[in-house]
Amino acid sequence: MSTMVPVLLSPLLVLGPAFSHKTQNDPPSVSITSQMGPEGHSMYLKCTITGFYPEPTSMYWTRESNVVENELENDSLLTENGNYQHWVMVEVPFSERHTYSCHVEHGSLAQPLVVPWNEGQESGDQ
């Protein structure tokens, strides 16, 4: 008489290799984009970080070294490659748009990453 033995599938087999357990600290890549605000009197600056692991991170905008409240923020999202992405957005009056910086804190960074918004070089990885 044969006995049936239950077979347990590894989460790696079910989810695929993209969601394998990561052990390294992957630093974030940062990009900043802008978009015209309502009625053309302001603009929205969006700071996006991608490719980081593990998830805990802190992001915020400053204006001349003073922390600014975010207009919008998303929860960190797990991507297909097993890393995370996150973004924060702030509304900026046109007269003040050159004084804003995005600050990123993550366990893979020795110190916070500060990326000033530069209208001439809008969206490049830092």
PDB file of N, CA and C in Angstrom:
ATOM      1  N   MET A   1       0.849  -1.170   0.000  1.00  0.00           N
ATOM      2  CA  MET A   1       0.000   0.000   0.000  1.00  0.00           C
ATOM      3  C   MET A   1       0.894   1.232   0.000  1.00  0.00           C
ATOM      4  N   SER A   2       0.600   2.211  -0.851  1.00  0.00           N
ATOM      5  CA  SER A   2       1.414   3.424  -0.905  1.00  0.00           C
ATOM      6  C   SER A   2       0.762   4.519  -0.074  1.00  0.00           C
ATOM      7  N   THR A   3       1.599   5.362   0.450  1.00  0.00           N
ATOM      8  CA  THR A   3       1.133   6.483   1.259  1.00  0.00           C
ATOM      9  C   THR A   3       1.364   7.764   0.486  1.00  0.00           C
ATOM     10  N   MET A   4       0.359   8.645   0.475  1.00  0.00           N
ATOM     11  CA  MET A   4       0.515   9.929  -0.202  1.00  0.00           C
ATOM     12  C   MET A   4       1.152  10.914   0.764  1.00  0.00           C
ATOM     13  N   VAL A   5       2.157  11.574   0.287  1.00  0.00           N
ATOM     14  CA  VAL A   5       2.849  12.573   1.091  1.00  0.00           C
ATOM     15  C   VAL A   5       2.501  13.941   0.523  1.00  0.00           C
ATOM     16  N   PRO A   6       2.000  14.855   1.372  1.00  0.00           N
ATOM     17  CA  PRO A   6       1.674  16.186   0.850  1.00  0.00           C
ATOM     18  C   PRO A   6       2.943  16.910   0.399  1.00  0.00           C
ATOM     19  N   VAL A   7       2.816  17.606  -0.669  1.00  0.00           N
ATOM     20  CA  VAL A   7       3.943  18.377  -1.207  1.00  0.00           C
ATOM     21  C   VAL A   7       3.657  19.848  -0.964  1.00  0.00           C
ATOM     22  N   LEU A   8       4.573  20.498  -0.281  1.00  0.00           N
ATOM     23  CA  LEU A   8       4.444  21.929  -0.029  1.00  0.00           C
ATOM     24  C   LEU A   8       5.282  22.675  -1.056  1.00  0.00           C
ATOM     25  N   LEU A   9       4.671  23.629  -1.709  1.00  0.00           N
ATOM     26  CA  LEU A   9       5.397  24.416  -2.693  1.00  0.00           C
ATOM     27  C   LEU A   9       6.103  25.576  -2.005  1.00  0.00           C
ATOM     28  N   SER A  10       7.305  25.779  -2.385  1.00  0.00           N
ATOM     29  CA  SER A  10       8.072  26.904  -1.880  1.00  0.00           C
ATOM     30  C   SER A  10       7.457  28.190  -2.402  1.00  0.00           C
ATOM     31  N   PRO A  11       7.412  29.262  -1.578  1.00  0.00           N
ATOM     32  CA  PRO A  11       6.920  30.546  -2.097  1.00  0.00           C
ATOM     33  C   PRO A  11       7.724  31.017  -3.306  1.00  0.00           C
ATOM     34  N   LEU A  12       8.981  30.632  -3.386  1.00  0.00           N
ATOM     35  CA  LEU A  12       9.810  31.011  -4.517  1.00  0.00           C
ATOM     36  C   LEU A  12       9.283  30.386  -5.808  1.00  0.00           C
ATOM     37  N   LEU A  13       8.788  29.142  -5.724  1.00  0.00           N
ATOM     38  CA  LEU A  13       8.247  28.484  -6.906  1.00  0.00           C
ATOM     39  C   LEU A  13       6.925  29.101  -7.326  1.00  0.00           C
ATOM     40  N   VAL A  14       6.134  29.529  -6.353  1.00  0.00           N
ATOM     41  CA  VAL A  14       4.825  30.089  -6.646  1.00  0.00           C
ATOM     42  C   VAL A  14       4.946  31.510  -7.183  1.00  0.00           C
ATOM     43  N   LEU A  15       5.768  32.332  -6.546  1.00  0.00           N
ATOM     44  CA  LEU A  15       5.874  33.732  -6.918  1.00  0.00           C
ATOM     45  C   LEU A  15       6.912  33.991  -7.995  1.00  0.00           C
ATOM     46  N   GLY A  16       7.842  33.090  -8.166  1.00  0.00           N
ATOM     47  CA  GLY A  16       8.889  33.275  -9.169  1.00  0.00           C
ATOM     48  C   GLY A  16      10.127  33.899  -8.561  1.00  0.00           C
ATOM     49  N   PRO A  17      11.221  33.923  -9.303  1.00  0.00           N
ATOM     50  CA  PRO A  17      12.493  34.391  -8.785  1.00  0.00           C
ATOM     51  C   PRO A  17      12.524  35.879  -8.459  1.00  0.00           C
ATOM     52  N   ALA A  18      11.636  36.676  -9.034  1.00  0.00           N
ATOM     53  CA  ALA A  18      11.663  38.117  -8.761  1.00  0.00           C
ATOM     54  C   ALA A  18      11.369  38.424  -7.306  1.00  0.00           C
ATOM     55  N   PHE A  19      10.642  37.547  -6.629  1.00  0.00           N
ATOM     56  CA  PHE A  19      10.273  37.809  -5.251  1.00  0.00           C
ATOM     57  C   PHE A  19      11.082  36.961  -4.280  1.00  0.00           C
ATOM     58  N   SER A  20      12.266  36.567  -4.670  1.00  0.00           N
ATOM     59  CA  SER A  20      13.121  35.815  -3.765  1.00  0.00           C
ATOM     60  C   SER A  20      13.558  36.707  -2.622  1.00  0.00           C
ATOM     61  N   HIS A  21      13.945  36.100  -1.527  1.00  0.00           N
ATOM     62  CA  HIS A  21      14.373  36.858  -0.357  1.00  0.00           C
ATOM     63  C   HIS A  21      15.667  37.592  -0.665  1.00  0.00           C
ATOM     64  N   LYS A  22      15.640  38.891  -0.478  1.00  0.00           N
ATOM     65  CA  LYS A  22      16.829  39.704  -0.733  1.00  0.00           C
ATOM     66  C   LYS A  22      17.541  39.938   0.591  1.00  0.00           C
ATOM     67  N   THR A  23      18.838  39.923   0.557  1.00  0.00           N
ATOM     68  CA  THR A  23      19.597  40.120   1.784  1.00  0.00           C
ATOM     69  C   THR A  23      20.424  41.397   1.740  1.00  0.00           C
ATOM     70  N   GLN A  24      20.608  41.994   0.575  1.00  0.00           N
ATOM     71  CA  GLN A  24      21.439  43.180   0.486  1.00  0.00           C
ATOM     72  C   GLN A  24      20.594  44.444   0.658  1.00  0.00           C
ATOM     73  N   ASN A  25      21.271  45.531   0.990  1.00  0.00           N
ATOM     74  CA  ASN A  25      20.650  46.844   1.012  1.00  0.00           C
ATOM     75  C   ASN A  25      20.889  47.489  -0.336  1.00  0.00           C
ATOM     76  N   ASP A  26      19.856  47.604  -1.146  1.00  0.00           N
ATOM     77  CA  ASP A  26      19.973  48.255  -2.447  1.00  0.00           C
ATOM     78  C   ASP A  26      19.626  49.727  -2.270  1.00  0.00           C
ATOM     79  N   PRO A  27      20.523  50.649  -2.653  1.00  0.00           N
ATOM     80  CA  PRO A  27      20.237  52.075  -2.506  1.00  0.00           C
ATOM     81  C   PRO A  27      19.226  52.549  -3.539  1.00  0.00           C
ATOM     82  N   PRO A  28      18.476  53.590  -3.208  1.00  0.00           N
ATOM     83  CA  PRO A  28      17.482  54.103  -4.157  1.00  0.00           C
ATOM     84  C   PRO A  28      18.108  54.949  -5.250  1.00  0.00           C
ATOM     85  N   SER A  29      17.477  54.926  -6.418  1.00  0.00           N
ATOM     86  CA  SER A  29      17.755  55.881  -7.493  1.00  0.00           C
ATOM     87  C   SER A  29      16.691  56.959  -7.388  1.00  0.00           C
ATOM     88  N   VAL A  30      17.076  58.201  -7.598  1.00  0.00           N
ATOM     89  CA  VAL A  30      16.168  59.332  -7.399  1.00  0.00           C
ATOM     90  C   VAL A  30      15.936  60.063  -8.710  1.00  0.00           C
ATOM     91  N   SER A  31      14.682  60.399  -8.978  1.00  0.00           N
ATOM     92  CA  SER A  31      14.370  61.271 -10.112  1.00  0.00           C
ATOM     93  C   SER A  31      13.322  62.289  -9.662  1.00  0.00           C
ATOM     94  N   ILE A  32      13.399  63.470 -10.258  1.00  0.00           N
ATOM     95  CA  ILE A  32      12.454  64.539  -9.949  1.00  0.00           C
ATOM     96  C   ILE A  32      11.814  64.988 -11.254  1.00  0.00           C
ATOM     97  N   THR A  33      10.489  65.090 -11.234  1.00  0.00           N
ATOM     98  CA  THR A  33       9.752  65.574 -12.396  1.00  0.00           C
ATOM     99  C   THR A  33       8.820  66.700 -11.952  1.00  0.00           C
ATOM    100  N   SER A  34       8.350  67.482 -12.906  1.00  0.00           N
ATOM    101  CA  SER A  34       7.427  68.567 -12.588  1.00  0.00           C
ATOM    102  C   SER A  34       6.247  68.547 -13.548  1.00  0.00           C
ATOM    103  N   GLN A  35       5.180  69.175 -13.098  1.00  0.00           N
ATOM    104  CA  GLN A  35       3.976  69.268 -13.911  1.00  0.00           C
ATOM    105  C   GLN A  35       3.257  70.555 -13.534  1.00  0.00           C
ATOM    106  N   MET A  36       2.642  71.195 -14.514  1.00  0.00           N
ATOM    107  CA  MET A  36       1.935  72.451 -14.291  1.00  0.00           C
ATOM    108  C   MET A  36       0.789  72.250 -13.309  1.00  0.00           C
ATOM    109  N   GLY A  37       0.644  73.179 -12.373  1.00  0.00           N
ATOM    110  CA  GLY A  37      -0.440  73.133 -11.401  1.00  0.00           C
ATOM    111  C   GLY A  37      -1.707  73.742 -11.965  1.00  0.00           C
ATOM    112  N   PRO A  38      -2.753  73.773 -11.133  1.00  0.00           N
ATOM    113  CA  PRO A  38      -4.031  74.318 -11.595  1.00  0.00           C
ATOM    114  C   PRO A  38      -3.909  75.803 -11.947  1.00  0.00           C
ATOM    115  N   GLU A  39      -4.509  76.202 -13.037  1.00  0.00           N
ATOM    116  CA  GLU A  39      -4.572  77.591 -13.496  1.00  0.00           C
ATOM    117  C   GLU A  39      -3.205  78.196 -13.801  1.00  0.00           C
ATOM    118  N   GLY A  40      -2.146  77.397 -13.839  1.00  0.00           N
ATOM    119  CA  GLY A  40      -0.830  77.879 -14.226  1.00  0.00           C
ATOM    120  C   GLY A  40      -0.120  78.770 -13.235  1.00  0.00           C
ATOM    121  N   HIS A  41      -0.570  78.829 -11.986  1.00  0.00           N
ATOM    122  CA  HIS A  41       0.063  79.680 -10.975  1.00  0.00           C
ATOM    123  C   HIS A  41       1.098  78.945 -10.143  1.00  0.00           C
ATOM    124  N   SER A  42       1.156  77.647 -10.305  1.00  0.00           N
ATOM    125  CA  SER A  42       2.085  76.837  -9.519  1.00  0.00           C
ATOM    126  C   SER A  42       2.449  75.602 -10.340  1.00  0.00           C
ATOM    127  N   MET A  43       3.317  74.794  -9.765  1.00  0.00           N
ATOM    128  CA  MET A  43       3.655  73.513 -10.380  1.00  0.00           C
ATOM    129  C   MET A  43       3.787  72.471  -9.279  1.00  0.00           C
ATOM    130  N   TYR A  44       3.661  71.217  -9.687  1.00  0.00           N
ATOM    131  CA  TYR A  44       3.860  70.103  -8.771  1.00  0.00           C
ATOM    132  C   TYR A  44       5.232  69.504  -9.033  1.00  0.00           C
ATOM    133  N   LEU A  45       6.000  69.323  -7.971  1.00  0.00           N
ATOM    134  CA  LEU A  45       7.283  68.639  -8.057  1.00  0.00           C
ATOM    135  C   LEU A  45       7.101  67.251  -7.465  1.00  0.00           C
ATOM    136  N   LYS A  46       7.530  66.243  -8.201  1.00  0.00           N
ATOM    137  CA  LYS A  46       7.385  64.858  -7.758  1.00  0.00           C
ATOM    138  C   LYS A  46       8.769  64.230  -7.664  1.00  0.00           C
ATOM    139  N   CYS A  47       9.082  63.724  -6.476  1.00  0.00           N
ATOM    140  CA  CYS A  47      10.347  63.033  -6.238  1.00  0.00           C
ATOM    141  C   CYS A  47      10.039  61.540  -6.142  1.00  0.00           C
ATOM    142  N   THR A  48      10.677  60.758  -6.997  1.00  0.00           N
ATOM    143  CA  THR A  48      10.438  59.322  -7.051  1.00  0.00           C
ATOM    144  C   THR A  48      11.739  58.582  -6.764  1.00  0.00           C
ATOM    145  N   ILE A  49      11.667  57.583  -5.892  1.00  0.00           N
ATOM    146  CA  ILE A  49      12.823  56.716  -5.668  1.00  0.00           C
ATOM    147  C   ILE A  49      12.440  55.308  -6.107  1.00  0.00           C
ATOM    148  N   THR A  50      13.383  54.632  -6.731  1.00  0.00           N
ATOM    149  CA  THR A  50      13.149  53.281  -7.230  1.00  0.00           C
ATOM    150  C   THR A  50      14.352  52.409  -6.929  1.00  0.00           C
ATOM    151  N   GLY A  51      14.136  51.097  -7.004  1.00  0.00           N
ATOM    152  CA  GLY A  51      15.239  50.138  -6.912  1.00  0.00           C
ATOM    153  C   GLY A  51      15.802  49.932  -5.538  1.00  0.00           C
ATOM    154  N   PHE A  52      15.107  50.319  -4.480  1.00  0.00           N
ATOM    155  CA  PHE A  52      15.672  50.166  -3.137  1.00  0.00           C
ATOM    156  C   PHE A  52      15.100  48.959  -2.411  1.00  0.00           C
ATOM    157  N   TYR A  53      15.899  48.428  -1.489  1.00  0.00           N
ATOM    158  CA  TYR A  53      15.510  47.307  -0.648  1.00  0.00           C
ATOM    159  C   TYR A  53      16.375  47.353   0.597  1.00  0.00           C
ATOM    160  N   PRO A  54      15.856  47.102   1.762  1.00  0.00           N
ATOM    161  CA  PRO A  54      14.464  46.775   2.111  1.00  0.00           C
ATOM    162  C   PRO A  54      13.567  48.019   2.089  1.00  0.00           C
ATOM    163  N   GLU A  55      12.306  47.798   2.454  1.00  0.00           N
ATOM    164  CA  GLU A  55      11.288  48.826   2.287  1.00  0.00           C
ATOM    165  C   GLU A  55      11.454  50.071   3.144  1.00  0.00           C
ATOM    166  N   PRO A  56      11.770  50.023   4.405  1.00  0.00           N
ATOM    167  CA  PRO A  56      11.702  51.261   5.200  1.00  0.00           C
ATOM    168  C   PRO A  56      12.521  52.388   4.580  1.00  0.00           C
ATOM    169  N   THR A  57      11.857  53.490   4.369  1.00  0.00           N
ATOM    170  CA  THR A  57      12.500  54.679   3.801  1.00  0.00           C
ATOM    171  C   THR A  57      11.755  55.909   4.286  1.00  0.00           C
ATOM    172  N   SER A  58      12.405  57.045   4.211  1.00  0.00           N
ATOM    173  CA  SER A  58      11.775  58.316   4.564  1.00  0.00           C
ATOM    174  C   SER A  58      12.076  59.300   3.445  1.00  0.00           C
ATOM    175  N   MET A  59      11.044  60.002   2.989  1.00  0.00           N
ATOM    176  CA  MET A  59      11.210  60.999   1.925  1.00  0.00           C
ATOM    177  C   MET A  59      10.440  62.248   2.310  1.00  0.00           C
ATOM    178  N   TYR A  60      11.042  63.393   2.019  1.00  0.00           N
ATOM    179  CA  TYR A  60      10.348  64.645   2.251  1.00  0.00           C
ATOM    180  C   TYR A  60      11.002  65.748   1.425  1.00  0.00           C
ATOM    181  N   TRP A  61      10.251  66.832   1.225  1.00  0.00           N
ATOM    182  CA  TRP A  61      10.722  68.007   0.503  1.00  0.00           C
ATOM    183  C   TRP A  61      11.122  69.080   1.497  1.00  0.00           C
ATOM    184  N   THR A  62      12.106  69.895   1.113  1.00  0.00           N
ATOM    185  CA  THR A  62      12.440  71.079   1.893  1.00  0.00           C
ATOM    186  C   THR A  62      12.442  72.294   0.969  1.00  0.00           C
ATOM    187  N   ARG A  63      12.183  73.440   1.560  1.00  0.00           N
ATOM    188  CA  ARG A  63      12.321  74.726   0.876  1.00  0.00           C
ATOM    189  C   ARG A  63      13.303  75.527   1.705  1.00  0.00           C
ATOM    190  N   GLU A  64      14.470  75.792   1.157  1.00  0.00           N
ATOM    191  CA  GLU A  64      15.533  76.506   1.872  1.00  0.00           C
ATOM    192  C   GLU A  64      15.763  75.884   3.249  1.00  0.00           C
ATOM    193  N   SER A  65      15.929  74.553   3.298  1.00  0.00           N
ATOM    194  CA  SER A  65      16.231  73.763   4.499  1.00  0.00           C
ATOM    195  C   SER A  65      15.070  73.615   5.475  1.00  0.00           C
ATOM    196  N   ASN A  66      13.891  74.122   5.156  1.00  0.00           N
ATOM    197  CA  ASN A  66      12.714  73.949   6.012  1.00  0.00           C
ATOM    198  C   ASN A  66      11.825  72.863   5.420  1.00  0.00           C
ATOM    199  N   VAL A  67      11.418  71.903   6.252  1.00  0.00           N
ATOM    200  CA  VAL A  67      10.582  70.800   5.777  1.00  0.00           C
ATOM    201  C   VAL A  67       9.224  71.338   5.329  1.00  0.00           C
ATOM    202  N   VAL A  68       8.768  70.848   4.165  1.00  0.00           N
ATOM    203  CA  VAL A  68       7.503  71.252   3.565  1.00  0.00           C
ATOM    204  C   VAL A  68       6.550  70.063   3.632  1.00  0.00           C
ATOM    205  N   GLU A  69       5.285  70.335   3.943  1.00  0.00           N
ATOM    206  CA  GLU A  69       4.288  69.257   3.982  1.00  0.00           C
ATOM    207  C   GLU A  69       3.999  68.773   2.570  1.00  0.00           C
ATOM    208  N   ASN A  70       3.971  67.447   2.402  1.00  0.00           N
ATOM    209  CA  ASN A  70       3.699  66.851   1.099  1.00  0.00           C
ATOM    210  C   ASN A  70       2.243  67.050   0.713  1.00  0.00           C
ATOM    211  N   GLU A  71       2.002  67.320  -0.569  1.00  0.00           N
ATOM    212  CA  GLU A  71       0.638  67.366  -1.105  1.00  0.00           C
ATOM    213  C   GLU A  71       0.097  65.947  -1.234  1.00  0.00           C
ATOM    214  N   LEU A  72       0.904  65.074  -1.823  1.00  0.00           N
ATOM    215  CA  LEU A  72       0.534  63.680  -2.049  1.00  0.00           C
ATOM    216  C   LEU A  72       1.735  62.795  -1.778  1.00  0.00           C
ATOM    217  N   GLU A  73       1.451  61.561  -1.359  1.00  0.00           N
ATOM    218  CA  GLU A  73       2.504  60.568  -1.144  1.00  0.00           C
ATOM    219  C   GLU A  73       1.894  59.196  -1.359  1.00  0.00           C
ATOM    220  N   ASN A  74       2.673  58.300  -1.972  1.00  0.00           N
ATOM    221  CA  ASN A  74       2.161  56.943  -2.134  1.00  0.00           C
ATOM    222  C   ASN A  74       2.855  56.016  -1.153  1.00  0.00           C
ATOM    223  N   ASP A  75       2.234  54.894  -0.890  1.00  0.00           N
ATOM    224  CA  ASP A  75       2.878  53.858  -0.079  1.00  0.00           C
ATOM    225  C   ASP A  75       3.953  53.208  -0.934  1.00  0.00           C
ATOM    226  N   SER A  76       4.980  52.678  -0.282  1.00  0.00           N
ATOM    227  CA  SER A  76       6.018  51.965  -1.029  1.00  0.00           C
ATOM    228  C   SER A  76       5.390  50.775  -1.739  1.00  0.00           C
ATOM    229  N   LEU A  77       5.751  50.593  -3.001  1.00  0.00           N
ATOM    230  CA  LEU A  77       5.228  49.492  -3.799  1.00  0.00           C
ATOM    231  C   LEU A  77       6.344  48.523  -4.137  1.00  0.00           C
ATOM    232  N   LEU A  78       6.069  47.237  -4.004  1.00  0.00           N
ATOM    233  CA  LEU A  78       7.017  46.196  -4.382  1.00  0.00           C
ATOM    234  C   LEU A  78       6.928  45.996  -5.888  1.00  0.00           C
ATOM    235  N   THR A  79       8.067  46.072  -6.577  1.00  0.00           N
ATOM    236  CA  THR A  79       8.089  45.920  -8.027  1.00  0.00           C
ATOM    237  C   THR A  79       8.398  44.478  -8.409  1.00  0.00           C
ATOM    238  N   GLU A  80       8.300  44.172  -9.686  1.00  0.00           N
ATOM    239  CA  GLU A  80       8.532  42.816 -10.180  1.00  0.00           C
ATOM    240  C   GLU A  80       9.939  42.308  -9.911  1.00  0.00           C
ATOM    241  N   ASN A  81      10.914  43.216  -9.816  1.00  0.00           N
ATOM    242  CA  ASN A  81      12.292  42.773  -9.586  1.00  0.00           C
ATOM    243  C   ASN A  81      12.621  42.604  -8.104  1.00  0.00           C
ATOM    244  N   GLY A  82      11.639  42.753  -7.235  1.00  0.00           N
ATOM    245  CA  GLY A  82      11.851  42.536  -5.808  1.00  0.00           C
ATOM    246  C   GLY A  82      12.320  43.756  -5.046  1.00  0.00           C
ATOM    247  N   ASN A  83      12.460  44.885  -5.719  1.00  0.00           N
ATOM    248  CA  ASN A  83      12.802  46.138  -5.056  1.00  0.00           C
ATOM    249  C   ASN A  83      11.545  46.979  -4.883  1.00  0.00           C
ATOM    250  N   TYR A  84      11.693  48.123  -4.232  1.00  0.00           N
ATOM    251  CA  TYR A  84      10.553  48.991  -3.958  1.00  0.00           C
ATOM    252  C   TYR A  84      10.661  50.298  -4.727  1.00  0.00           C
ATOM    253  N   GLN A  85       9.517  50.989  -4.821  1.00  0.00           N
ATOM    254  CA  GLN A  85       9.478  52.354  -5.340  1.00  0.00           C
ATOM    255  C   GLN A  85       8.539  53.169  -4.451  1.00  0.00           C
ATOM    256  N   HIS A  86       8.786  54.470  -4.398  1.00  0.00           N
ATOM    257  CA  HIS A  86       8.012  55.360  -3.529  1.00  0.00           C
ATOM    258  C   HIS A  86       8.116  56.764  -4.105  1.00  0.00           C
ATOM    259  N   TRP A  87       7.099  57.612  -3.912  1.00  0.00           N
ATOM    260  CA  TRP A  87       7.186  58.995  -4.362  1.00  0.00           C
ATOM    261  C   TRP A  87       6.457  59.930  -3.425  1.00  0.00           C
ATOM    262  N   VAL A  88       6.883  61.193  -3.452  1.00  0.00           N
ATOM    263  CA  VAL A  88       6.217  62.277  -2.726  1.00  0.00           C
ATOM    264  C   VAL A  88       6.087  63.458  -3.679  1.00  0.00           C
ATOM    265  N   MET A  89       5.009  64.249  -3.488  1.00  0.00           N
ATOM    266  CA  MET A  89       4.747  65.380  -4.375  1.00  0.00           C
ATOM    267  C   MET A  89       4.407  66.603  -3.539  1.00  0.00           C
ATOM    268  N   VAL A  90       4.860  67.765  -4.015  1.00  0.00           N
ATOM    269  CA  VAL A  90       4.574  69.023  -3.343  1.00  0.00           C
ATOM    270  C   VAL A  90       4.167  70.062  -4.385  1.00  0.00           C
ATOM    271  N   GLU A  91       3.248  70.967  -4.019  1.00  0.00           N
ATOM    272  CA  GLU A  91       2.860  72.064  -4.901  1.00  0.00           C
ATOM    273  C   GLU A  91       3.754  73.257  -4.597  1.00  0.00           C
ATOM    274  N   VAL A  92       4.268  73.882  -5.656  1.00  0.00           N
ATOM    275  CA  VAL A  92       5.265  74.940  -5.521  1.00  0.00           C
ATOM    276  C   VAL A  92       4.826  76.177  -6.301  1.00  0.00           C
ATOM    277  N   PRO A  93       4.745  77.337  -5.628  1.00  0.00           N
ATOM    278  CA  PRO A  93       4.482  78.575  -6.375  1.00  0.00           C
ATOM    279  C   PRO A  93       5.637  78.847  -7.340  1.00  0.00           C
ATOM    280  N   PHE A  94       5.359  79.392  -8.520  1.00  0.00           N
ATOM    281  CA  PHE A  94       6.404  79.651  -9.512  1.00  0.00           C
ATOM    282  C   PHE A  94       7.533  80.507  -8.951  1.00  0.00           C
ATOM    283  N   SER A  95       7.230  81.441  -8.094  1.00  0.00           N
ATOM    284  CA  SER A  95       8.261  82.338  -7.563  1.00  0.00           C
ATOM    285  C   SER A  95       9.242  81.637  -6.628  1.00  0.00           C
ATOM    286  N   GLU A  96       8.918  80.426  -6.145  1.00  0.00           N
ATOM    287  CA  GLU A  96       9.769  79.727  -5.180  1.00  0.00           C
ATOM    288  C   GLU A  96      10.335  78.411  -5.701  1.00  0.00           C
ATOM    289  N   ARG A  97      10.115  78.096  -6.937  1.00  0.00           N
ATOM    290  CA  ARG A  97      10.401  76.751  -7.421  1.00  0.00           C
ATOM    291  C   ARG A  97      11.877  76.382  -7.449  1.00  0.00           C
ATOM    292  N   HIS A  98      12.783  77.326  -7.410  1.00  0.00           N
ATOM    293  CA  HIS A  98      14.206  76.996  -7.489  1.00  0.00           C
ATOM    294  C   HIS A  98      14.826  76.667  -6.138  1.00  0.00           C
ATOM    295  N   THR A  99      14.072  76.730  -5.079  1.00  0.00           N
ATOM    296  CA  THR A  99      14.633  76.549  -3.743  1.00  0.00           C
ATOM    297  C   THR A  99      14.222  75.230  -3.086  1.00  0.00           C
ATOM    298  N   TYR A 100      13.701  74.285  -3.836  1.00  0.00           N
ATOM    299  CA  TYR A 100      13.199  73.032  -3.278  1.00  0.00           C
ATOM    300  C   TYR A 100      14.177  71.882  -3.490  1.00  0.00           C
ATOM    301  N   SER A 101      14.257  71.004  -2.472  1.00  0.00           N
ATOM    302  CA  SER A 101      15.101  69.805  -2.552  1.00  0.00           C
ATOM    303  C   SER A 101      14.332  68.615  -2.005  1.00  0.00           C
ATOM    304  N   CYS A 102      14.600  67.455  -2.571  1.00  0.00           N
ATOM    305  CA  CYS A 102      14.027  66.203  -2.098  1.00  0.00           C
ATOM    306  C   CYS A 102      15.054  65.511  -1.210  1.00  0.00           C
ATOM    307  N   HIS A 103      14.625  65.064  -0.040  1.00  0.00           N
ATOM    308  CA  HIS A 103      15.494  64.373   0.909  1.00  0.00           C
ATOM    309  C   HIS A 103      15.054  62.913   1.005  1.00  0.00           C
ATOM    310  N   VAL A 104      16.025  62.017   0.922  1.00  0.00           N
ATOM    311  CA  VAL A 104      15.752  60.579   0.966  1.00  0.00           C
ATOM    312  C   VAL A 104      16.627  59.956   2.051  1.00  0.00           C
ATOM    313  N   GLU A 105      16.006  59.194   2.939  1.00  0.00           N
ATOM    314  CA  GLU A 105      16.737  58.447   3.958  1.00  0.00           C
ATOM    315  C   GLU A 105      16.430  56.966   3.772  1.00  0.00           C
ATOM    316  N   HIS A 106      17.492  56.146   3.772  1.00  0.00           N
ATOM    317  CA  HIS A 106      17.337  54.704   3.598  1.00  0.00           C
ATOM    318  C   HIS A 106      18.511  54.018   4.263  1.00  0.00           C
ATOM    319  N   GLY A 107      18.323  52.803   4.751  1.00  0.00           N
ATOM    320  CA  GLY A 107      19.368  52.054   5.444  1.00  0.00           C
ATOM    321  C   GLY A 107      20.617  51.806   4.624  1.00  0.00           C
ATOM    322  N   SER A 108      20.522  51.864   3.308  1.00  0.00           N
ATOM    323  CA  SER A 108      21.675  51.635   2.450  1.00  0.00           C
ATOM    324  C   SER A 108      22.543  52.887   2.293  1.00  0.00           C
ATOM    325  N   LEU A 109      22.051  54.020   2.764  1.00  0.00           N
ATOM    326  CA  LEU A 109      22.758  55.289   2.608  1.00  0.00           C
ATOM    327  C   LEU A 109      23.462  55.672   3.905  1.00  0.00           C
ATOM    328  N   ALA A 110      24.727  56.083   3.819  1.00  0.00           N
ATOM    329  CA  ALA A 110      25.480  56.507   4.997  1.00  0.00           C
ATOM    330  C   ALA A 110      24.924  57.812   5.558  1.00  0.00           C
ATOM    331  N   GLN A 111      24.374  58.633   4.697  1.00  0.00           N
ATOM    332  CA  GLN A 111      23.753  59.888   5.123  1.00  0.00           C
ATOM    333  C   GLN A 111      22.578  60.166   4.192  1.00  0.00           C
ATOM    334  N   PRO A 112      21.649  61.036   4.612  1.00  0.00           N
ATOM    335  CA  PRO A 112      20.510  61.325   3.739  1.00  0.00           C
ATOM    336  C   PRO A 112      20.971  61.863   2.390  1.00  0.00           C
ATOM    337  N   LEU A 113      20.249  61.488   1.364  1.00  0.00           N
ATOM    338  CA  LEU A 113      20.514  61.955   0.011  1.00  0.00           C
ATOM    339  C   LEU A 113      19.659  63.200  -0.217  1.00  0.00           C
ATOM    340  N   VAL A 114      20.287  64.307  -0.600  1.00  0.00           N
ATOM    341  CA  VAL A 114      19.579  65.560  -0.842  1.00  0.00           C
ATOM    342  C   VAL A 114      19.733  65.899  -2.323  1.00  0.00           C
ATOM    343  N   VAL A 115      18.583  65.959  -3.027  1.00  0.00           N
ATOM    344  CA  VAL A 115      18.590  66.216  -4.460  1.00  0.00           C
ATOM    345  C   VAL A 115      17.807  67.502  -4.725  1.00  0.00           C
ATOM    346  N   PRO A 116      18.502  68.585  -5.092  1.00  0.00           N
ATOM    347  CA  PRO A 116      17.775  69.818  -5.399  1.00  0.00           C
ATOM    348  C   PRO A 116      17.053  69.708  -6.729  1.00  0.00           C
ATOM    349  N   TRP A 117      15.876  70.335  -6.801  1.00  0.00           N
ATOM    350  CA  TRP A 117      15.176  70.384  -8.068  1.00  0.00           C
ATOM    351  C   TRP A 117      15.872  71.400  -8.941  1.00  0.00           C
ATOM    352  N   ASN A 118      16.209  70.979 -10.150  1.00  0.00           N
ATOM    353  CA  ASN A 118      16.911  71.822 -11.105  1.00  0.00           C
ATOM    354  C   ASN A 118      16.115  71.813 -12.391  1.00  0.00           C
ATOM    355  N   GLU A 119      15.559  72.939 -12.736  1.00  0.00           N
ATOM    356  CA  GLU A 119      14.691  73.037 -13.912  1.00  0.00           C
ATOM    357  C   GLU A 119      15.407  72.606 -15.195  1.00  0.00           C
ATOM    358  N   GLY A 120      16.714  72.843 -15.283  1.00  0.00           N
ATOM    359  CA  GLY A 120      17.455  72.512 -16.484  1.00  0.00           C
ATOM    360  C   GLY A 120      17.729  71.024 -16.642  1.00  0.00           C
ATOM    361  N   GLN A 121      17.843  70.314 -15.547  1.00  0.00           N
ATOM    362  CA  GLN A 121      18.118  68.873 -15.585  1.00  0.00           C
ATOM    363  C   GLN A 121      17.040  68.184 -14.787  1.00  0.00           C
ATOM    364  N   GLU A 122      15.845  68.145 -15.350  1.00  0.00           N
ATOM    365  CA  GLU A 122      14.668  67.774 -14.592  1.00  0.00           C
ATOM    366  C   GLU A 122      14.625  66.354 -14.088  1.00  0.00           C
ATOM    367  N   SER A 123      14.887  65.375 -14.885  1.00  0.00           N
ATOM    368  CA  SER A 123      14.609  64.016 -14.457  1.00  0.00           C
ATOM    369  C   SER A 123      15.774  63.098 -14.749  1.00  0.00           C
ATOM    370  N   GLY A 124      16.770  63.118 -13.898  1.00  0.00           N
ATOM    371  CA  GLY A 124      17.882  62.197 -14.065  1.00  0.00           C
ATOM    372  C   GLY A 124      18.144  61.454 -12.785  1.00  0.00           C
ATOM    373  N   ASP A 125      18.589  60.202 -12.887  1.00  0.00           N
ATOM    374  CA  ASP A 125      18.936  59.468 -11.679  1.00  0.00           C
ATOM    375  C   ASP A 125      20.117  60.139 -11.020  1.00  0.00           C
ATOM    376  N   GLN A 126      20.057  60.179  -9.743  1.00  0.00           N
ATOM    377  CA  GLN A 126      21.134  60.800  -8.959  1.00  0.00           C
ATOM    378  C   GLN A 126      21.947  59.727  -8.262  1.00  0.00           C
TER     379      GLN A 126
END
